[in-house]
Structure formats: structure tokens, C-alpha cells
Amino acid sequence: MGDAAEVAAWGEVFSCGYDFFGELEPFGFPGGDADRAARAAAPEAWLRLGRSWLEAGAHKGPGKADVPWAIEQFGYPEGYIDAR
């Protein structure tokens, strides 16, 4: 799996703080209490992957939060220019 797969897997957590569909299981966050573990690992994941996730535009569109959870929690990733 490449970076794009990991970026996509973190999408729900970055968006709302939860991995509703178990997308992070291949990355070491299996069911049960995975959301707590994923939220604990989210700051590091956001530093590595947040910019790519935002640049892919996955956070925009109908039904998406105005401000994604990760931005509320950690701010914009270094190097990202908010182009609203």
C-alpha cells in the first residue's frame, strides 16, 4: 500500500474524528477500540498526511463538515495554503 491508500484510510478520522468503516485496520487500528487509538495517533498522521488529504479535496463537498475535525484539533498542516 502506498501513501495514497494511507491518506484515504485516514480520511474519516481527519474529517470527523472517527473511523466508521474500519479503513485504518490495514494500518494497525483493528476494530474494538480502534477510534481511540486512531485519535491518539492522529497528530502524527496529520503531520505526515494532512497536506495531501487537503490537497486531494476530500474534505470538500456536500455533507462535509465546514471545518474538518483534524483542522479544529491540530490546525492546518505546515506548507498548506488554504485556497477556499
PDB file of N, CA and C in Angstrom:
ATOM      1  N   MET A   1       0.845  -1.196   0.000  1.00  0.00           N
ATOM      2  CA  MET A   1       0.000   0.000   0.000  1.00  0.00           C
ATOM      3  C   MET A   1       0.879   1.245   0.000  1.00  0.00           C
ATOM      4  N   GLY A   2       0.466   2.232  -0.751  1.00  0.00           N
ATOM      5  CA  GLY A   2       1.240   3.456  -0.830  1.00  0.00           C
ATOM      6  C   GLY A   2       0.651   4.557   0.030  1.00  0.00           C
ATOM      7  N   ASP A   3       1.269   5.710  -0.069  1.00  0.00           N
ATOM      8  CA  ASP A   3       0.815   6.869   0.700  1.00  0.00           C
ATOM      9  C   ASP A   3      -0.626   7.244   0.375  1.00  0.00           C
ATOM     10  N   ALA A   4      -1.018   7.124  -0.887  1.00  0.00           N
ATOM     11  CA  ALA A   4      -2.389   7.491  -1.274  1.00  0.00           C
ATOM     12  C   ALA A   4      -3.409   6.634  -0.543  1.00  0.00           C
ATOM     13  N   ALA A   5      -3.115   5.353  -0.384  1.00  0.00           N
ATOM     14  CA  ALA A   5      -4.023   4.462   0.343  1.00  0.00           C
ATOM     15  C   ALA A   5      -4.105   4.860   1.815  1.00  0.00           C
ATOM     16  N   GLU A   6      -2.970   5.236   2.393  1.00  0.00           N
ATOM     17  CA  GLU A   6      -2.981   5.652   3.798  1.00  0.00           C
ATOM     18  C   GLU A   6      -3.714   6.979   3.967  1.00  0.00           C
ATOM     19  N   VAL A   7      -3.521   7.909   3.045  1.00  0.00           N
ATOM     20  CA  VAL A   7      -4.241   9.185   3.087  1.00  0.00           C
ATOM     21  C   VAL A   7      -5.740   8.927   3.044  1.00  0.00           C
ATOM     22  N   ALA A   8      -6.180   8.087   2.128  1.00  0.00           N
ATOM     23  CA  ALA A   8      -7.605   7.770   2.009  1.00  0.00           C
ATOM     24  C   ALA A   8      -8.127   7.092   3.272  1.00  0.00           C
ATOM     25  N   ALA A   9      -7.334   6.194   3.842  1.00  0.00           N
ATOM     26  CA  ALA A   9      -7.763   5.477   5.046  1.00  0.00           C
ATOM     27  C   ALA A   9      -7.957   6.414   6.228  1.00  0.00           C
ATOM     28  N   TRP A  10      -7.143   7.432   6.336  1.00  0.00           N
ATOM     29  CA  TRP A  10      -7.255   8.392   7.438  1.00  0.00           C
ATOM     30  C   TRP A  10      -8.365   9.416   7.191  1.00  0.00           C
ATOM     31  N   GLY A  11      -8.969   9.422   6.028  1.00  0.00           N
ATOM     32  CA  GLY A  11      -9.950  10.442   5.660  1.00  0.00           C
ATOM     33  C   GLY A  11     -11.083  10.642   6.646  1.00  0.00           C
ATOM     34  N   GLU A  12     -11.709   9.568   7.106  1.00  0.00           N
ATOM     35  CA  GLU A  12     -12.823   9.711   8.055  1.00  0.00           C
ATOM     36  C   GLU A  12     -12.357  10.307   9.381  1.00  0.00           C
ATOM     37  N   VAL A  13     -11.200   9.859   9.845  1.00  0.00           N
ATOM     38  CA  VAL A  13     -10.683  10.406  11.102  1.00  0.00           C
ATOM     39  C   VAL A  13     -10.362  11.880  10.922  1.00  0.00           C
ATOM     40  N   PHE A  14      -9.699  12.229   9.834  1.00  0.00           N
ATOM     41  CA  PHE A  14      -9.388  13.633   9.595  1.00  0.00           C
ATOM     42  C   PHE A  14     -10.662  14.463   9.477  1.00  0.00           C
ATOM     43  N   SER A  15     -11.674  13.894   8.877  1.00  0.00           N
ATOM     44  CA  SER A  15     -12.927  14.610   8.666  1.00  0.00           C
ATOM     45  C   SER A  15     -13.734  14.788   9.949  1.00  0.00           C
ATOM     46  N   CYS A  16     -13.918  13.696  10.709  1.00  0.00           N
ATOM     47  CA  CYS A  16     -14.840  13.772  11.851  1.00  0.00           C
ATOM     48  C   CYS A  16     -14.316  13.172  13.150  1.00  0.00           C
ATOM     49  N   GLY A  17     -13.126  12.598  13.143  1.00  0.00           N
ATOM     50  CA  GLY A  17     -12.550  12.057  14.366  1.00  0.00           C
ATOM     51  C   GLY A  17     -12.854  10.594  14.628  1.00  0.00           C
ATOM     52  N   TYR A  18     -13.499   9.916  13.689  1.00  0.00           N
ATOM     53  CA  TYR A  18     -13.859   8.504  13.867  1.00  0.00           C
ATOM     54  C   TYR A  18     -13.589   7.728  12.592  1.00  0.00           C
ATOM     55  N   ASP A  19     -13.243   6.457  12.750  1.00  0.00           N
ATOM     56  CA  ASP A  19     -13.047   5.554  11.616  1.00  0.00           C
ATOM     57  C   ASP A  19     -14.269   4.643  11.536  1.00  0.00           C
ATOM     58  N   PHE A  20     -15.351   5.161  11.008  1.00  0.00           N
ATOM     59  CA  PHE A  20     -16.623   4.444  10.981  1.00  0.00           C
ATOM     60  C   PHE A  20     -16.574   3.131  10.214  1.00  0.00           C
ATOM     61  N   PHE A  21     -15.771   3.053   9.178  1.00  0.00           N
ATOM     62  CA  PHE A  21     -15.799   1.907   8.278  1.00  0.00           C
ATOM     63  C   PHE A  21     -14.576   1.004   8.384  1.00  0.00           C
ATOM     64  N   GLY A  22     -13.760   1.180   9.416  1.00  0.00           N
ATOM     65  CA  GLY A  22     -12.598   0.319   9.610  1.00  0.00           C
ATOM     66  C   GLY A  22     -11.521   0.468   8.555  1.00  0.00           C
ATOM     67  N   GLU A  23     -11.454   1.639   7.938  1.00  0.00           N
ATOM     68  CA  GLU A  23     -10.471   1.876   6.879  1.00  0.00           C
ATOM     69  C   GLU A  23      -9.034   1.788   7.383  1.00  0.00           C
ATOM     70  N   LEU A  24      -8.836   2.029   8.677  1.00  0.00           N
ATOM     71  CA  LEU A  24      -7.477   2.029   9.221  1.00  0.00           C
ATOM     72  C   LEU A  24      -7.005   0.653   9.687  1.00  0.00           C
ATOM     73  N   GLU A  25      -7.854  -0.349   9.583  1.00  0.00           N
ATOM     74  CA  GLU A  25      -7.468  -1.694  10.023  1.00  0.00           C
ATOM     75  C   GLU A  25      -6.166  -2.175   9.375  1.00  0.00           C
ATOM     76  N   PRO A  26      -5.977  -1.985   8.053  1.00  0.00           N
ATOM     77  CA  PRO A  26      -4.718  -2.432   7.447  1.00  0.00           C
ATOM     78  C   PRO A  26      -3.487  -1.676   7.957  1.00  0.00           C
ATOM     79  N   PHE A  27      -3.714  -0.569   8.646  1.00  0.00           N
ATOM     80  CA  PHE A  27      -2.614   0.250   9.145  1.00  0.00           C
ATOM     81  C   PHE A  27      -2.424   0.089  10.652  1.00  0.00           C
ATOM     82  N   GLY A  28      -2.990  -0.983  11.207  1.00  0.00           N
ATOM     83  CA  GLY A  28      -2.747  -1.311  12.600  1.00  0.00           C
ATOM     84  C   GLY A  28      -3.767  -0.826  13.595  1.00  0.00           C
ATOM     85  N   PHE A  29      -4.950  -0.451  13.137  1.00  0.00           N
ATOM     86  CA  PHE A  29      -6.016   0.005  14.024  1.00  0.00           C
ATOM     87  C   PHE A  29      -7.244  -0.888  13.844  1.00  0.00           C
ATOM     88  N   PRO A  30      -7.171  -2.127  14.335  1.00  0.00           N
ATOM     89  CA  PRO A  30      -8.298  -3.054  14.167  1.00  0.00           C
ATOM     90  C   PRO A  30      -9.481  -2.664  15.038  1.00  0.00           C
ATOM     91  N   GLY A  31     -10.644  -3.246  14.762  1.00  0.00           N
ATOM     92  CA  GLY A  31     -11.905  -2.944  15.443  1.00  0.00           C
ATOM     93  C   GLY A  31     -11.803  -2.741  16.943  1.00  0.00           C
ATOM     94  N   GLY A  32     -12.922  -2.787  17.592  1.00  0.00           N
ATOM     95  CA  GLY A  32     -12.970  -2.573  19.026  1.00  0.00           C
ATOM     96  C   GLY A  32     -12.737  -1.118  19.382  1.00  0.00           C
ATOM     97  N   ASP A  33     -11.636  -0.850  20.015  1.00  0.00           N
ATOM     98  CA  ASP A  33     -11.330   0.496  20.490  1.00  0.00           C
ATOM     99  C   ASP A  33     -10.436   1.252  19.498  1.00  0.00           C
ATOM    100  N   ALA A  34     -10.548   0.919  18.227  1.00  0.00           N
ATOM    101  CA  ALA A  34      -9.666   1.490  17.213  1.00  0.00           C
ATOM    102  C   ALA A  34      -9.777   3.005  17.121  1.00  0.00           C
ATOM    103  N   ASP A  35     -10.984   3.558  17.332  1.00  0.00           N
ATOM    104  CA  ASP A  35     -11.134   5.008  17.218  1.00  0.00           C
ATOM    105  C   ASP A  35     -10.277   5.733  18.248  1.00  0.00           C
ATOM    106  N   ARG A  36     -10.241   5.220  19.463  1.00  0.00           N
ATOM    107  CA  ARG A  36      -9.421   5.867  20.495  1.00  0.00           C
ATOM    108  C   ARG A  36      -7.948   5.812  20.096  1.00  0.00           C
ATOM    109  N   ALA A  37      -7.499   4.670  19.630  1.00  0.00           N
ATOM    110  CA  ALA A  37      -6.107   4.521  19.204  1.00  0.00           C
ATOM    111  C   ALA A  37      -5.815   5.405  17.992  1.00  0.00           C
ATOM    112  N   ALA A  38      -6.746   5.458  17.052  1.00  0.00           N
ATOM    113  CA  ALA A  38      -6.552   6.292  15.861  1.00  0.00           C
ATOM    114  C   ALA A  38      -6.497   7.765  16.235  1.00  0.00           C
ATOM    115  N   ARG A  39      -7.366   8.201  17.127  1.00  0.00           N
ATOM    116  CA  ARG A  39      -7.328   9.613  17.550  1.00  0.00           C
ATOM    117  C   ARG A  39      -6.026   9.926  18.275  1.00  0.00           C
ATOM    118  N   ALA A  40      -5.494   8.964  19.027  1.00  0.00           N
ATOM    119  CA  ALA A  40      -4.216   9.171  19.698  1.00  0.00           C
ATOM    120  C   ALA A  40      -3.073   9.278  18.685  1.00  0.00           C
ATOM    121  N   ALA A  41      -3.175   8.555  17.579  1.00  0.00           N
ATOM    122  CA  ALA A  41      -2.142   8.581  16.538  1.00  0.00           C
ATOM    123  C   ALA A  41      -2.381   9.686  15.514  1.00  0.00           C
ATOM    124  N   ALA A  42      -3.523  10.327  15.556  1.00  0.00           N
ATOM    125  CA  ALA A  42      -3.894  11.322  14.546  1.00  0.00           C
ATOM    126  C   ALA A  42      -2.936  12.512  14.444  1.00  0.00           C
ATOM    127  N   PRO A  43      -2.399  13.054  15.538  1.00  0.00           N
ATOM    128  CA  PRO A  43      -1.487  14.201  15.365  1.00  0.00           C
ATOM    129  C   PRO A  43      -0.297  13.876  14.464  1.00  0.00           C
ATOM    130  N   GLU A  44       0.290  12.709  14.660  1.00  0.00           N
ATOM    131  CA  GLU A  44       1.432  12.308  13.844  1.00  0.00           C
ATOM    132  C   GLU A  44       0.998  12.050  12.402  1.00  0.00           C
ATOM    133  N   ALA A  45      -0.141  11.383  12.236  1.00  0.00           N
ATOM    134  CA  ALA A  45      -0.658  11.116  10.894  1.00  0.00           C
ATOM    135  C   ALA A  45      -0.986  12.426  10.170  1.00  0.00           C
ATOM    136  N   TRP A  46      -1.537  13.369  10.899  1.00  0.00           N
ATOM    137  CA  TRP A  46      -1.883  14.665  10.308  1.00  0.00           C
ATOM    138  C   TRP A  46      -0.626  15.382   9.819  1.00  0.00           C
ATOM    139  N   LEU A  47       0.447  15.331  10.604  1.00  0.00           N
ATOM    140  CA  LEU A  47       1.703  15.960  10.178  1.00  0.00           C
ATOM    141  C   LEU A  47       2.219  15.337   8.887  1.00  0.00           C
ATOM    142  N   ARG A  48       2.106  14.020   8.768  1.00  0.00           N
ATOM    143  CA  ARG A  48       2.613  13.322   7.586  1.00  0.00           C
ATOM    144  C   ARG A  48       1.690  13.407   6.390  1.00  0.00           C
ATOM    145  N   LEU A  49       0.359  13.348   6.645  1.00  0.00           N
ATOM    146  CA  LEU A  49      -0.591  13.114   5.560  1.00  0.00           C
ATOM    147  C   LEU A  49      -1.629  14.208   5.359  1.00  0.00           C
ATOM    148  N   GLY A  50      -1.745  15.108   6.315  1.00  0.00           N
ATOM    149  CA  GLY A  50      -2.799  16.120   6.260  1.00  0.00           C
ATOM    150  C   GLY A  50      -2.775  16.981   5.015  1.00  0.00           C
ATOM    151  N   ARG A  51      -1.596  17.422   4.640  1.00  0.00           N
ATOM    152  CA  ARG A  51      -1.486  18.278   3.457  1.00  0.00           C
ATOM    153  C   ARG A  51      -1.977  17.546   2.209  1.00  0.00           C
ATOM    154  N   SER A  52      -1.562  16.285   2.056  1.00  0.00           N
ATOM    155  CA  SER A  52      -2.007  15.501   0.890  1.00  0.00           C
ATOM    156  C   SER A  52      -3.513  15.316   0.896  1.00  0.00           C
ATOM    157  N   TRP A  53      -4.080  15.056   2.073  1.00  0.00           N
ATOM    158  CA  TRP A  53      -5.531  14.866   2.185  1.00  0.00           C
ATOM    159  C   TRP A  53      -6.272  16.143   1.793  1.00  0.00           C
ATOM    160  N   LEU A  54      -5.813  17.277   2.281  1.00  0.00           N
ATOM    161  CA  LEU A  54      -6.457  18.543   1.927  1.00  0.00           C
ATOM    162  C   LEU A  54      -6.297  18.866   0.448  1.00  0.00           C
ATOM    163  N   GLU A  55      -5.120  18.651  -0.079  1.00  0.00           N
ATOM    164  CA  GLU A  55      -4.882  18.945  -1.494  1.00  0.00           C
ATOM    165  C   GLU A  55      -5.692  18.041  -2.412  1.00  0.00           C
ATOM    166  N   ALA A  56      -6.034  16.841  -1.945  1.00  0.00           N
ATOM    167  CA  ALA A  56      -6.877  15.940  -2.738  1.00  0.00           C
ATOM    168  C   ALA A  56      -8.330  16.410  -2.763  1.00  0.00           C
ATOM    169  N   GLY A  57      -8.692  17.319  -1.856  1.00  0.00           N
ATOM    170  CA  GLY A  57     -10.039  17.884  -1.839  1.00  0.00           C
ATOM    171  C   GLY A  57     -11.096  16.997  -1.219  1.00  0.00           C
ATOM    172  N   ALA A  58     -10.697  15.948  -0.545  1.00  0.00           N
ATOM    173  CA  ALA A  58     -11.660  15.015   0.042  1.00  0.00           C
ATOM    174  C   ALA A  58     -12.496  15.637   1.145  1.00  0.00           C
ATOM    175  N   HIS A  59     -12.062  16.758   1.655  1.00  0.00           N
ATOM    176  CA  HIS A  59     -12.772  17.415   2.757  1.00  0.00           C
ATOM    177  C   HIS A  59     -13.861  18.366   2.276  1.00  0.00           C
ATOM    178  N   LYS A  60     -13.986  18.535   0.985  1.00  0.00           N
ATOM    179  CA  LYS A  60     -14.956  19.481   0.431  1.00  0.00           C
ATOM    180  C   LYS A  60     -16.137  18.730  -0.176  1.00  0.00           C
ATOM    181  N   GLY A  61     -17.267  19.392  -0.225  1.00  0.00           N
ATOM    182  CA  GLY A  61     -18.418  18.823  -0.899  1.00  0.00           C
ATOM    183  C   GLY A  61     -19.634  18.708   0.000  1.00  0.00           C
ATOM    184  N   PRO A  62     -20.753  18.317  -0.590  1.00  0.00           N
ATOM    185  CA  PRO A  62     -21.997  18.190   0.162  1.00  0.00           C
ATOM    186  C   PRO A  62     -21.861  17.184   1.303  1.00  0.00           C
ATOM    187  N   GLY A  63     -22.406  17.538   2.432  1.00  0.00           N
ATOM    188  CA  GLY A  63     -22.401  16.645   3.583  1.00  0.00           C
ATOM    189  C   GLY A  63     -21.105  16.638   4.368  1.00  0.00           C
ATOM    190  N   LYS A  64     -20.153  17.436   3.972  1.00  0.00           N
ATOM    191  CA  LYS A  64     -18.872  17.508   4.679  1.00  0.00           C
ATOM    192  C   LYS A  64     -18.926  18.634   5.706  1.00  0.00           C
ATOM    193  N   ALA A  65     -18.228  18.436   6.806  1.00  0.00           N
ATOM    194  CA  ALA A  65     -18.165  19.462   7.846  1.00  0.00           C
ATOM    195  C   ALA A  65     -17.523  20.726   7.284  1.00  0.00           C
ATOM    196  N   ASP A  66     -17.978  21.881   7.792  1.00  0.00           N
ATOM    197  CA  ASP A  66     -17.369  23.142   7.349  1.00  0.00           C
ATOM    198  C   ASP A  66     -15.875  23.162   7.647  1.00  0.00           C
ATOM    199  N   VAL A  67     -15.524  22.705   8.835  1.00  0.00           N
ATOM    200  CA  VAL A  67     -14.120  22.627   9.229  1.00  0.00           C
ATOM    201  C   VAL A  67     -13.854  21.187   9.672  1.00  0.00           C
ATOM    202  N   PRO A  68     -12.985  20.480   8.980  1.00  0.00           N
ATOM    203  CA  PRO A  68     -12.695  19.104   9.367  1.00  0.00           C
ATOM    204  C   PRO A  68     -12.150  19.010  10.798  1.00  0.00           C
ATOM    205  N   TRP A  69     -12.424  17.879  11.433  1.00  0.00           N
ATOM    206  CA  TRP A  69     -12.006  17.625  12.804  1.00  0.00           C
ATOM    207  C   TRP A  69     -10.505  17.856  12.985  1.00  0.00           C
ATOM    208  N   ALA A  70      -9.695  17.363  12.068  1.00  0.00           N
ATOM    209  CA  ALA A  70      -8.244  17.478  12.213  1.00  0.00           C
ATOM    210  C   ALA A  70      -7.784  18.936  12.195  1.00  0.00           C
ATOM    211  N   ILE A  71      -8.428  19.766  11.404  1.00  0.00           N
ATOM    212  CA  ILE A  71      -8.058  21.185  11.396  1.00  0.00           C
ATOM    213  C   ILE A  71      -8.452  21.824  12.719  1.00  0.00           C
ATOM    214  N   GLU A  72      -9.631  21.480  13.231  1.00  0.00           N
ATOM    215  CA  GLU A  72     -10.047  22.004  14.533  1.00  0.00           C
ATOM    216  C   GLU A  72      -9.069  21.594  15.627  1.00  0.00           C
ATOM    217  N   GLN A  73      -8.601  20.359  15.571  1.00  0.00           N
ATOM    218  CA  GLN A  73      -7.724  19.835  16.613  1.00  0.00           C
ATOM    219  C   GLN A  73      -6.272  20.284  16.474  1.00  0.00           C
ATOM    220  N   PHE A  74      -5.763  20.288  15.242  1.00  0.00           N
ATOM    221  CA  PHE A  74      -4.323  20.456  15.030  1.00  0.00           C
ATOM    222  C   PHE A  74      -3.940  21.655  14.172  1.00  0.00           C
ATOM    223  N   GLY A  75      -4.924  22.337  13.597  1.00  0.00           N
ATOM    224  CA  GLY A  75      -4.624  23.438  12.687  1.00  0.00           C
ATOM    225  C   GLY A  75      -4.248  22.918  11.308  1.00  0.00           C
ATOM    226  N   TYR A  76      -3.963  23.855  10.423  1.00  0.00           N
ATOM    227  CA  TYR A  76      -3.572  23.463   9.067  1.00  0.00           C
ATOM    228  C   TYR A  76      -2.164  22.890   9.084  1.00  0.00           C
ATOM    229  N   PRO A  77      -1.906  21.866   8.260  1.00  0.00           N
ATOM    230  CA  PRO A  77      -0.566  21.295   8.209  1.00  0.00           C
ATOM    231  C   PRO A  77       0.436  22.294   7.606  1.00  0.00           C
ATOM    232  N   GLU A  78       1.662  22.164   8.033  1.00  0.00           N
ATOM    233  CA  GLU A  78       2.708  23.037   7.532  1.00  0.00           C
ATOM    234  C   GLU A  78       2.794  22.951   6.018  1.00  0.00           C
ATOM    235  N   GLY A  79       2.899  24.097   5.375  1.00  0.00           N
ATOM    236  CA  GLY A  79       3.034  24.140   3.934  1.00  0.00           C
ATOM    237  C   GLY A  79       1.739  24.169   3.160  1.00  0.00           C
ATOM    238  N   TYR A  80       0.606  23.996   3.825  1.00  0.00           N
ATOM    239  CA  TYR A  80      -0.679  24.008   3.126  1.00  0.00           C
ATOM    240  C   TYR A  80      -1.193  25.437   3.082  1.00  0.00           C
ATOM    241  N   ILE A  81      -1.583  25.860   1.921  1.00  0.00           N
ATOM    242  CA  ILE A  81      -2.178  27.179   1.746  1.00  0.00           C
ATOM    243  C   ILE A  81      -3.659  26.982   1.533  1.00  0.00           C
ATOM    244  N   ASP A  82      -4.464  27.463   2.474  1.00  0.00           N
ATOM    245  CA  ASP A  82      -5.916  27.303   2.388  1.00  0.00           C
ATOM    246  C   ASP A  82      -6.431  28.104   1.203  1.00  0.00           C
ATOM    247  N   ALA A  83      -6.920  27.411   0.200  1.00  0.00           N
ATOM    248  CA  ALA A  83      -7.367  28.055  -1.031  1.00  0.00           C
ATOM    249  C   ALA A  83      -8.883  28.026  -1.139  1.00  0.00           C
ATOM    250  N   ARG A  84      -9.564  28.416  -0.096  1.00  0.00           N
ATOM    251  CA  ARG A  84     -11.044  28.388  -0.129  1.00  0.00           C
ATOM    252  C   ARG A  84     -11.552  29.273  -1.198  1.00  0.00           C
TER     253      ARG A  84
END
